[in-house]
Amino acid sequence: MFTVAASFGLVLPLAPDLVRATQGAAGDTALHAGGLTGVYMVAITIFAPVWGRLSDRAGRRWVLVAGLAGFALSMAGFGWVQSLPALYLQRALSGLFAAGVAPVAAAAVADAAPSDQWRASRMAWLNMASIGGFVLGPSLSVWVRGAAEAAASPSPAGVLAPFAAAALVAVLAAGGIAFTLPDGPTETPRDLAPTADRLLGGLLLALAFAVSLIVGVFEVAVSLRSGGLAAASSGEVAAMFAVCSLVMFLVQAVLFSPLVRAEHTWRLLAPGFALLAAALFLSAAASGLGEAVVAVTIIAASAGAVSPTLAYWQSLLAGRRQGAQLGRQTAAASLGQAVGSTAGGLLLSRFGGADPFLWSAALAAGGGLAALIAVRRLRRHALSIPAADPRSTASNKPSLR
């Protein structure tokens, strides 16, 4: 998870140079740099459910190995890209193989879980690994590029070195998984989940899409200094993103630790969306950097609590179909991120000002109402979960510890 997230982050500062180096991209650098991210997200949306279903049948280990190995080849392939269409194709291939990592890694954790508390904390670890990779990826990209340019005079070495480093780390991760990860279930049961569970699963997917869309709009609005952030410097914007990531990391570390019982996390959903709506309204009305930082902190804390909670309960409802359902969860979140980023840009270009924050706040309020419907069903599921015994083990489940 860290490897894929860091590789996504390292492409961001290099994308303009890659676009400028291809033919036919003159004058459209910003458009195509954003388009490359969109293609990556769309590929994850399409293929995450496919990889997830395959892992239910073929086992988690080799699907993860195939995803990481293909991801390594796609990253290394940036060195041979000579045209803009090839660059888009290469980015789509990276998304295709990255889609085989997140849902299958989460399904492997669910397979090995000796208790629901263990499952919740380890799935939060996966999210925190992803956050850490996304935060460090751009910095690692700049550092590796600088080191390569200092060691070799040709400038292409500096551009290609981060991709080579990402490919190498992905290969090492694939090798480690091939030799250490036990296989999960290799058979999907024919019987479907109860209708009520399927409906609840669909509602959780809609909420995952909504929260990712909100975060996508918010990230674009902050990056382009919408509303009260118009006077913010590049350094201040970067600091806000760092604070956002750190808050998300810490919130997940606390809420999905032994301090909080996993079966009670459904209580976070409605308050989380309510806080999101309030913080986005505060962002729209913010007149200074201090107010904006407070709003960013609340948004990060709310999203950091809601997103892994949705994934955890989706996993509980999936039964033996962990890969397929968590693949849909990944797809919904990726699609929301892509739509949110596009919508944020369109809102700013058409209306400007604080409109992206206001539209996101309205969506968060609607998500809160939907969450209230979901938590009534989730509460009934929570009551059926026996109290967690830290000494309990599952003799028929492999262990990752």
Protein backbone atom coordinates (compact mmCIF):
# COMPACT_ATOMS: atom_id res chain seq x y z
CA MET A 1 0.00 0.00 0.00
CA PHE A 2 2.82 2.37 0.88
CA THR A 3 4.65 1.55 -2.36
CA VAL A 4 1.66 2.24 -4.62
CA ALA A 5 0.66 5.42 -2.78
CA ALA A 6 4.22 6.77 -2.79
CA SER A 7 4.53 6.00 -6.51
CA PHE A 8 1.33 7.91 -7.20
CA GLY A 9 2.67 10.85 -5.21
CA LEU A 10 6.06 10.85 -6.93
CA VAL A 11 4.42 11.25 -10.35
CA LEU A 12 2.70 14.51 -9.35
CA PRO A 13 5.75 16.81 -9.41
CA LEU A 14 7.16 15.05 -12.50
CA ALA A 15 3.98 15.10 -14.60
CA PRO A 16 4.55 18.57 -16.15
CA ASP A 17 8.06 17.58 -17.29
CA LEU A 18 6.78 14.32 -18.74
CA VAL A 19 4.06 16.14 -20.67
CA ARG A 20 6.46 18.78 -21.98
CA ALA A 21 8.84 16.04 -23.16
CA THR A 22 6.17 14.44 -25.37
CA GLN A 23 5.06 15.61 -28.79
CA GLY A 24 1.98 17.72 -29.32
CA ALA A 25 1.61 18.92 -25.72
CA ALA A 26 2.68 22.53 -26.18
CA GLY A 27 0.50 24.95 -24.26
CA ASP A 28 -1.58 22.22 -22.60
CA THR A 29 0.78 21.13 -19.85
CA ALA A 30 -1.62 21.77 -16.97
CA LEU A 31 -4.55 20.14 -18.77
CA HIS A 32 -2.63 16.96 -19.56
CA ALA A 33 -0.94 16.78 -16.17
CA GLY A 34 -4.40 16.72 -14.61
CA GLY A 35 -5.66 14.32 -17.28
CA LEU A 36 -2.97 11.80 -16.37
CA THR A 37 -4.24 11.71 -12.79
CA GLY A 38 -7.81 11.32 -14.04
CA VAL A 39 -6.86 8.37 -16.27
CA TYR A 40 -5.11 6.69 -13.35
CA MET A 41 -8.17 7.03 -11.11
CA VAL A 42 -10.58 5.84 -13.80
CA ALA A 43 -8.44 2.74 -14.38
CA ILE A 44 -8.59 1.93 -10.66
CA THR A 45 -12.36 2.43 -10.70
CA ILE A 46 -12.80 -0.02 -13.57
CA PHE A 47 -10.36 -2.73 -12.55
CA ALA A 48 -10.43 -2.81 -8.72
CA PRO A 49 -13.62 -4.95 -8.65
CA VAL A 50 -12.13 -7.25 -11.30
CA TRP A 51 -8.95 -7.86 -9.30
CA GLY A 52 -10.99 -8.29 -6.13
CA ARG A 53 -13.23 -10.98 -7.65
CA LEU A 54 -10.18 -12.74 -9.09
CA SER A 55 -8.55 -12.84 -5.66
CA ASP A 56 -11.67 -14.50 -4.21
CA ARG A 57 -11.18 -17.34 -6.67
CA ALA A 58 -7.41 -17.56 -7.17
CA GLY A 59 -6.18 -16.49 -3.74
CA ARG A 60 -4.76 -13.20 -2.50
CA ARG A 61 -1.03 -13.94 -2.77
CA TRP A 62 -0.63 -14.29 -6.50
CA VAL A 63 -3.07 -11.53 -7.35
CA LEU A 64 -1.04 -9.15 -5.16
CA VAL A 65 2.20 -10.39 -6.74
CA ALA A 66 0.77 -9.90 -10.23
CA GLY A 67 -0.51 -6.43 -9.37
CA LEU A 68 2.79 -5.28 -7.89
CA ALA A 69 4.89 -6.85 -10.66
CA GLY A 70 2.73 -5.26 -13.35
CA PHE A 71 2.85 -1.96 -11.48
CA ALA A 72 6.66 -2.17 -11.41
CA LEU A 73 6.79 -2.75 -15.17
CA SER A 74 4.38 0.12 -15.81
CA MET A 75 6.50 2.50 -13.72
CA ALA A 76 9.72 1.39 -15.41
CA GLY A 77 8.02 1.83 -18.78
CA PHE A 78 7.89 5.61 -18.37
CA GLY A 79 11.49 5.60 -19.61
CA TRP A 80 10.36 4.56 -23.10
CA VAL A 81 7.41 6.91 -23.51
CA GLN A 82 7.86 9.14 -26.55
CA SER A 83 4.38 10.51 -27.26
CA LEU A 84 1.44 11.94 -25.40
CA PRO A 85 -0.95 9.03 -26.20
CA ALA A 86 1.71 6.60 -24.98
CA LEU A 87 2.03 8.61 -21.77
CA TYR A 88 -1.72 8.32 -21.16
CA LEU A 89 -1.57 4.60 -21.93
CA GLN A 90 1.30 4.15 -19.51
CA ARG A 91 -0.57 5.96 -16.75
CA ALA A 92 -3.68 3.87 -17.41
CA LEU A 93 -1.60 0.69 -17.10
CA SER A 94 -0.23 1.92 -13.77
CA GLY A 95 -3.79 2.42 -12.55
CA LEU A 96 -4.84 -1.00 -13.86
CA PHE A 97 -2.17 -2.78 -11.82
CA ALA A 98 -2.44 -0.48 -8.79
CA ALA A 99 -6.10 -1.49 -8.65
CA GLY A 100 -4.96 -5.00 -7.75
CA VAL A 101 -3.24 -3.89 -4.54
CA ALA A 102 -5.57 -1.92 -2.26
CA PRO A 103 -8.70 -4.14 -2.25
CA VAL A 104 -6.74 -7.40 -2.24
CA ALA A 105 -4.45 -6.26 0.59
CA ALA A 106 -7.52 -5.37 2.66
CA ALA A 107 -9.13 -8.72 1.79
CA ALA A 108 -5.96 -10.55 2.90
CA VAL A 109 -6.16 -8.76 6.25
CA ALA A 110 -9.83 -9.74 6.59
CA ASP A 111 -8.99 -13.39 5.82
CA ALA A 112 -6.36 -13.51 8.55
CA ALA A 113 -8.31 -11.61 11.23
CA PRO A 114 -8.64 -13.59 14.49
CA SER A 115 -11.12 -10.98 15.73
CA ASP A 116 -13.04 -7.98 14.40
CA GLN A 117 -10.95 -5.67 16.59
CA TRP A 118 -7.79 -7.00 14.91
CA ARG A 119 -9.39 -6.56 11.50
CA ALA A 120 -10.32 -2.93 12.21
CA SER A 121 -6.87 -1.94 13.49
CA ARG A 122 -4.97 -3.63 10.64
CA MET A 123 -7.23 -2.15 7.99
CA ALA A 124 -6.52 1.22 9.57
CA TRP A 125 -2.80 0.42 9.30
CA LEU A 126 -3.28 -0.10 5.56
CA ASN A 127 -4.91 3.33 5.31
CA MET A 128 -2.12 4.91 7.33
CA ALA A 129 0.49 3.28 5.09
CA SER A 130 -1.28 4.76 2.09
CA ILE A 131 -1.41 8.22 3.69
CA GLY A 132 2.29 8.00 4.54
CA GLY A 133 3.19 7.01 0.99
CA PHE A 134 1.14 9.81 -0.54
CA VAL A 135 2.74 12.40 1.74
CA LEU A 136 6.31 11.20 1.25
CA GLY A 137 6.03 10.37 -2.46
CA PRO A 138 6.52 13.90 -3.85
CA SER A 139 9.46 14.57 -1.49
CA LEU A 140 11.08 11.25 -2.37
CA SER A 141 10.60 12.05 -6.05
CA VAL A 142 12.41 15.38 -5.74
CA TRP A 143 15.18 13.84 -3.63
CA VAL A 144 15.84 10.88 -5.97
CA ARG A 145 15.75 13.13 -9.01
CA GLY A 146 18.24 15.54 -7.45
CA ALA A 147 20.58 12.71 -6.47
CA ALA A 148 20.44 11.22 -9.97
CA GLU A 149 21.13 14.57 -11.65
CA ALA A 150 24.06 15.17 -9.31
CA ALA A 151 25.53 11.78 -10.18
CA ALA A 152 24.97 11.95 -13.94
CA SER A 153 25.15 14.93 -16.26
CA PRO A 154 22.31 13.96 -18.68
CA SER A 155 19.05 15.44 -17.43
CA PRO A 156 16.87 12.46 -18.51
CA ALA A 157 18.50 10.42 -15.74
CA GLY A 158 16.96 12.76 -13.18
CA VAL A 159 13.46 12.34 -14.60
CA LEU A 160 13.67 8.57 -14.94
CA ALA A 161 15.39 7.77 -11.64
CA PRO A 162 12.24 8.13 -9.46
CA PHE A 163 10.33 5.74 -11.72
CA ALA A 164 13.17 3.23 -11.61
CA ALA A 165 13.28 3.49 -7.81
CA ALA A 166 9.50 2.96 -7.56
CA ALA A 167 9.72 -0.06 -9.87
CA LEU A 168 12.50 -1.56 -7.75
CA VAL A 169 10.56 -1.12 -4.49
CA ALA A 170 7.43 -2.65 -6.09
CA VAL A 171 9.46 -5.68 -7.23
CA LEU A 172 10.86 -6.12 -3.72
CA ALA A 173 7.36 -5.89 -2.25
CA ALA A 174 6.08 -8.48 -4.74
CA GLY A 175 8.93 -10.83 -3.82
CA GLY A 176 8.26 -10.42 -0.12
CA ILE A 177 4.56 -11.18 -0.56
CA ALA A 178 5.28 -14.22 -2.76
CA PHE A 179 7.34 -15.83 -0.01
CA THR A 180 5.48 -14.74 3.14
CA LEU A 181 1.76 -14.18 2.51
CA PRO A 182 -0.49 -17.21 2.95
CA ASP A 183 -3.26 -17.68 0.43
CA GLY A 184 -6.78 -16.68 1.35
CA PRO A 185 -9.96 -18.46 0.25
CA THR A 186 -9.91 -19.70 -3.34
CA GLU A 187 -13.63 -20.31 -3.72
CA THR A 188 -16.58 -17.94 -3.82
CA PRO A 189 -19.85 -19.32 -2.39
CA ARG A 190 -22.78 -19.44 -4.78
CA ASP A 191 -25.36 -18.06 -2.37
CA LEU A 192 -25.82 -14.31 -2.35
CA ALA A 193 -25.80 -12.15 0.73
CA PRO A 194 -29.20 -11.34 2.23
CA THR A 195 -31.07 -8.60 0.40
CA ALA A 196 -30.85 -6.25 3.38
CA ASP A 197 -27.08 -6.67 3.48
CA ARG A 198 -26.76 -6.00 -0.23
CA LEU A 199 -28.79 -2.82 0.14
CA LEU A 200 -26.71 -1.74 3.09
CA GLY A 201 -23.52 -2.51 1.16
CA GLY A 202 -24.75 -0.31 -1.70
CA LEU A 203 -25.50 2.52 0.71
CA LEU A 204 -22.00 2.24 2.19
CA LEU A 205 -20.55 2.39 -1.33
CA ALA A 206 -22.55 5.56 -2.01
CA LEU A 207 -21.21 7.10 1.20
CA ALA A 208 -17.64 6.14 0.23
CA PHE A 209 -18.15 7.81 -3.14
CA ALA A 210 -19.56 10.93 -1.46
CA VAL A 211 -16.76 11.38 1.08
CA SER A 212 -14.08 10.87 -1.61
CA LEU A 213 -15.84 13.36 -3.89
CA ILE A 214 -15.92 15.90 -1.06
CA VAL A 215 -12.21 15.40 -0.38
CA GLY A 216 -11.45 15.71 -4.10
CA VAL A 217 -13.30 19.03 -4.40
CA PHE A 218 -11.67 20.24 -1.20
CA GLU A 219 -8.15 19.40 -2.38
CA VAL A 220 -8.64 21.27 -5.66
CA ALA A 221 -10.22 24.24 -3.87
CA VAL A 222 -7.28 24.48 -1.47
CA SER A 223 -4.68 23.96 -4.22
CA LEU A 224 -6.19 26.74 -6.32
CA ARG A 225 -6.69 28.98 -3.26
CA SER A 226 -10.45 29.26 -3.34
CA GLY A 227 -12.42 31.60 -1.08
CA GLY A 228 -10.56 32.94 1.94
CA LEU A 229 -7.35 31.16 0.84
CA ALA A 230 -6.86 33.52 -2.09
CA ALA A 231 -3.92 35.23 -0.37
CA ALA A 232 -2.26 32.02 0.84
CA SER A 233 1.28 31.32 -0.39
CA SER A 234 2.43 28.05 -1.93
CA GLY A 235 4.25 27.21 1.28
CA GLU A 236 1.12 27.78 3.36
CA VAL A 237 -0.95 25.59 1.05
CA ALA A 238 1.67 22.83 1.27
CA ALA A 239 1.67 23.15 5.07
CA MET A 240 -2.13 22.77 5.15
CA PHE A 241 -1.91 19.56 3.13
CA ALA A 242 0.76 18.28 5.51
CA VAL A 243 -1.47 19.08 8.50
CA CYS A 244 -4.39 17.37 6.77
CA SER A 245 -2.42 14.16 6.23
CA LEU A 246 -1.00 14.17 9.75
CA VAL A 247 -4.45 14.64 11.31
CA MET A 248 -5.91 11.82 9.22
CA PHE A 249 -3.03 9.56 10.26
CA LEU A 250 -3.43 10.32 13.96
CA VAL A 251 -7.23 10.02 13.96
CA GLN A 252 -7.09 6.58 12.38
CA ALA A 253 -4.34 5.47 14.75
CA VAL A 254 -6.51 6.38 17.76
CA LEU A 255 -10.00 5.42 16.58
CA PHE A 256 -8.90 2.00 15.30
CA SER A 257 -6.74 1.10 18.27
CA PRO A 258 -7.66 -1.09 21.27
CA LEU A 259 -8.97 2.09 22.91
CA VAL A 260 -12.13 1.95 20.75
CA ARG A 261 -14.21 -1.18 20.21
CA ALA A 262 -14.53 -1.89 16.51
CA GLU A 263 -18.23 -2.77 16.69
CA HIS A 264 -18.97 0.76 17.95
CA THR A 265 -17.38 2.55 14.98
CA TRP A 266 -20.74 2.83 13.20
CA ARG A 267 -21.40 5.71 15.61
CA LEU A 268 -18.75 7.77 13.80
CA LEU A 269 -20.56 7.99 10.47
CA ALA A 270 -23.36 10.51 11.05
CA PRO A 271 -21.28 12.85 13.28
CA GLY A 272 -18.43 12.57 10.77
CA PHE A 273 -20.56 13.82 7.89
CA ALA A 274 -22.09 16.53 10.09
CA LEU A 275 -18.61 17.81 11.03
CA LEU A 276 -17.59 17.69 7.37
CA ALA A 277 -20.54 19.90 6.43
CA ALA A 278 -19.84 22.37 9.26
CA ALA A 279 -16.12 22.58 8.45
CA LEU A 280 -16.77 23.14 4.75
CA PHE A 281 -19.17 25.99 5.57
CA LEU A 282 -16.42 27.40 7.80
CA SER A 283 -13.98 27.11 4.90
CA ALA A 284 -16.36 29.05 2.67
CA ALA A 285 -16.61 31.83 5.27
CA ALA A 286 -12.94 31.81 6.31
CA SER A 287 -11.33 35.23 6.08
CA GLY A 288 -7.83 34.29 7.18
CA LEU A 289 -5.29 31.50 7.31
CA GLY A 290 -6.03 30.64 10.95
CA GLU A 291 -9.69 29.92 10.29
CA ALA A 292 -8.75 27.94 7.20
CA VAL A 293 -6.32 25.76 9.18
CA VAL A 294 -9.03 25.02 11.76
CA ALA A 295 -11.42 24.02 8.99
CA VAL A 296 -8.77 21.85 7.33
CA THR A 297 -8.11 20.08 10.63
CA ILE A 298 -11.80 19.30 11.18
CA ILE A 299 -12.23 18.11 7.58
CA ALA A 300 -9.18 15.85 7.86
CA ALA A 301 -10.34 14.41 11.18
CA SER A 302 -13.86 13.74 9.87
CA ALA A 303 -12.77 12.17 6.58
CA GLY A 304 -10.05 10.23 8.38
CA ALA A 305 -12.66 8.67 10.66
CA VAL A 306 -15.40 8.07 8.08
CA SER A 307 -13.42 6.46 5.23
CA PRO A 308 -11.87 3.52 7.15
CA THR A 309 -15.11 3.01 9.07
CA LEU A 310 -16.95 2.49 5.79
CA ALA A 311 -14.28 0.05 4.58
CA TYR A 312 -14.36 -1.89 7.86
CA TRP A 313 -18.12 -2.40 7.81
CA GLN A 314 -18.03 -3.21 4.11
CA SER A 315 -15.57 -5.97 4.98
CA LEU A 316 -17.80 -7.30 7.76
CA LEU A 317 -20.77 -7.48 5.39
CA ALA A 318 -18.79 -9.15 2.60
CA GLY A 319 -18.47 -12.59 4.18
CA ARG A 320 -16.31 -14.79 1.95
CA ARG A 321 -16.51 -12.26 -0.90
CA GLN A 322 -13.97 -9.91 0.61
CA GLY A 323 -12.09 -9.22 -2.61
CA ALA A 324 -15.15 -8.46 -4.72
CA GLN A 325 -16.79 -6.16 -2.17
CA LEU A 326 -13.62 -4.34 -1.16
CA GLY A 327 -12.85 -3.94 -4.85
CA ARG A 328 -16.15 -2.12 -5.24
CA GLN A 329 -15.27 -0.02 -2.20
CA THR A 330 -11.95 0.98 -3.80
CA ALA A 331 -13.69 1.70 -7.09
CA ALA A 332 -16.30 3.92 -5.43
CA ALA A 333 -13.64 5.89 -3.56
CA SER A 334 -11.45 6.30 -6.67
CA LEU A 335 -14.39 7.40 -8.80
CA GLY A 336 -15.41 9.90 -6.13
CA GLN A 337 -11.87 11.30 -6.04
CA ALA A 338 -11.78 11.67 -9.82
CA VAL A 339 -15.24 13.26 -10.04
CA GLY A 340 -14.50 15.54 -7.09
CA SER A 341 -11.26 16.82 -8.59
CA THR A 342 -12.97 17.50 -11.92
CA ALA A 343 -16.00 19.12 -10.28
CA GLY A 344 -13.79 21.31 -8.10
CA GLY A 345 -11.96 22.64 -11.14
CA LEU A 346 -15.18 23.27 -13.03
CA LEU A 347 -16.82 25.05 -10.10
CA LEU A 348 -13.82 27.30 -9.66
CA SER A 349 -13.56 28.10 -13.37
CA ARG A 350 -17.29 28.83 -13.67
CA PHE A 351 -18.16 30.48 -10.37
CA GLY A 352 -14.93 31.05 -8.43
CA GLY A 353 -14.88 32.19 -4.83
CA ALA A 354 -16.14 29.83 -2.15
CA ASP A 355 -18.63 27.88 -4.28
CA PRO A 356 -16.68 24.58 -4.19
CA PHE A 357 -16.78 24.61 -0.39
CA LEU A 358 -20.51 25.41 -0.32
CA TRP A 359 -21.46 22.66 -2.80
CA SER A 360 -19.30 20.19 -0.87
CA ALA A 361 -20.96 21.23 2.40
CA ALA A 362 -24.39 20.57 0.90
CA LEU A 363 -23.26 17.14 -0.28
CA ALA A 364 -21.82 16.38 3.17
CA ALA A 365 -25.13 17.31 4.77
CA GLY A 366 -26.93 14.94 2.41
CA GLY A 367 -24.37 12.26 3.23
CA GLY A 368 -25.14 12.76 6.90
CA LEU A 369 -28.80 12.02 6.29
CA ALA A 370 -27.91 8.88 4.33
CA ALA A 371 -25.53 7.86 7.14
CA LEU A 372 -28.39 8.09 9.64
CA ILE A 373 -30.26 5.53 7.55
CA ALA A 374 -27.21 3.29 7.33
CA VAL A 375 -26.38 3.36 11.03
CA ARG A 376 -29.78 1.96 11.97
CA ARG A 377 -28.92 -1.21 10.04
CA LEU A 378 -25.29 -1.18 11.18
CA ARG A 379 -26.39 -0.99 14.80
CA ARG A 380 -28.36 -4.22 14.37
CA HIS A 381 -25.27 -5.88 12.89
CA ALA A 382 -23.13 -4.55 15.75
CA LEU A 383 -25.46 -6.10 18.33
CA SER A 384 -24.90 -9.51 16.71
CA ILE A 385 -21.09 -9.28 17.08
CA PRO A 386 -19.87 -11.09 20.21
CA ALA A 387 -17.57 -9.27 22.59
CA ALA A 388 -13.99 -9.47 21.36
CA ASP A 389 -11.68 -11.79 23.24
CA PRO A 390 -8.06 -10.79 22.75
CA ARG A 391 -7.02 -14.41 23.36
CA SER A 392 -9.29 -15.71 20.60
CA THR A 393 -7.84 -17.18 17.44
CA ALA A 394 -9.32 -18.59 14.30
CA SER A 395 -7.90 -22.03 13.67
CA ASN A 396 -9.18 -22.08 10.12
CA LYS A 397 -7.64 -18.71 9.20
CA PRO A 398 -4.04 -18.00 8.27
CA SER A 399 -2.10 -15.56 10.42
CA LEU A 400 -0.22 -12.52 9.15
CA ARG A 401 1.48 -11.84 12.48
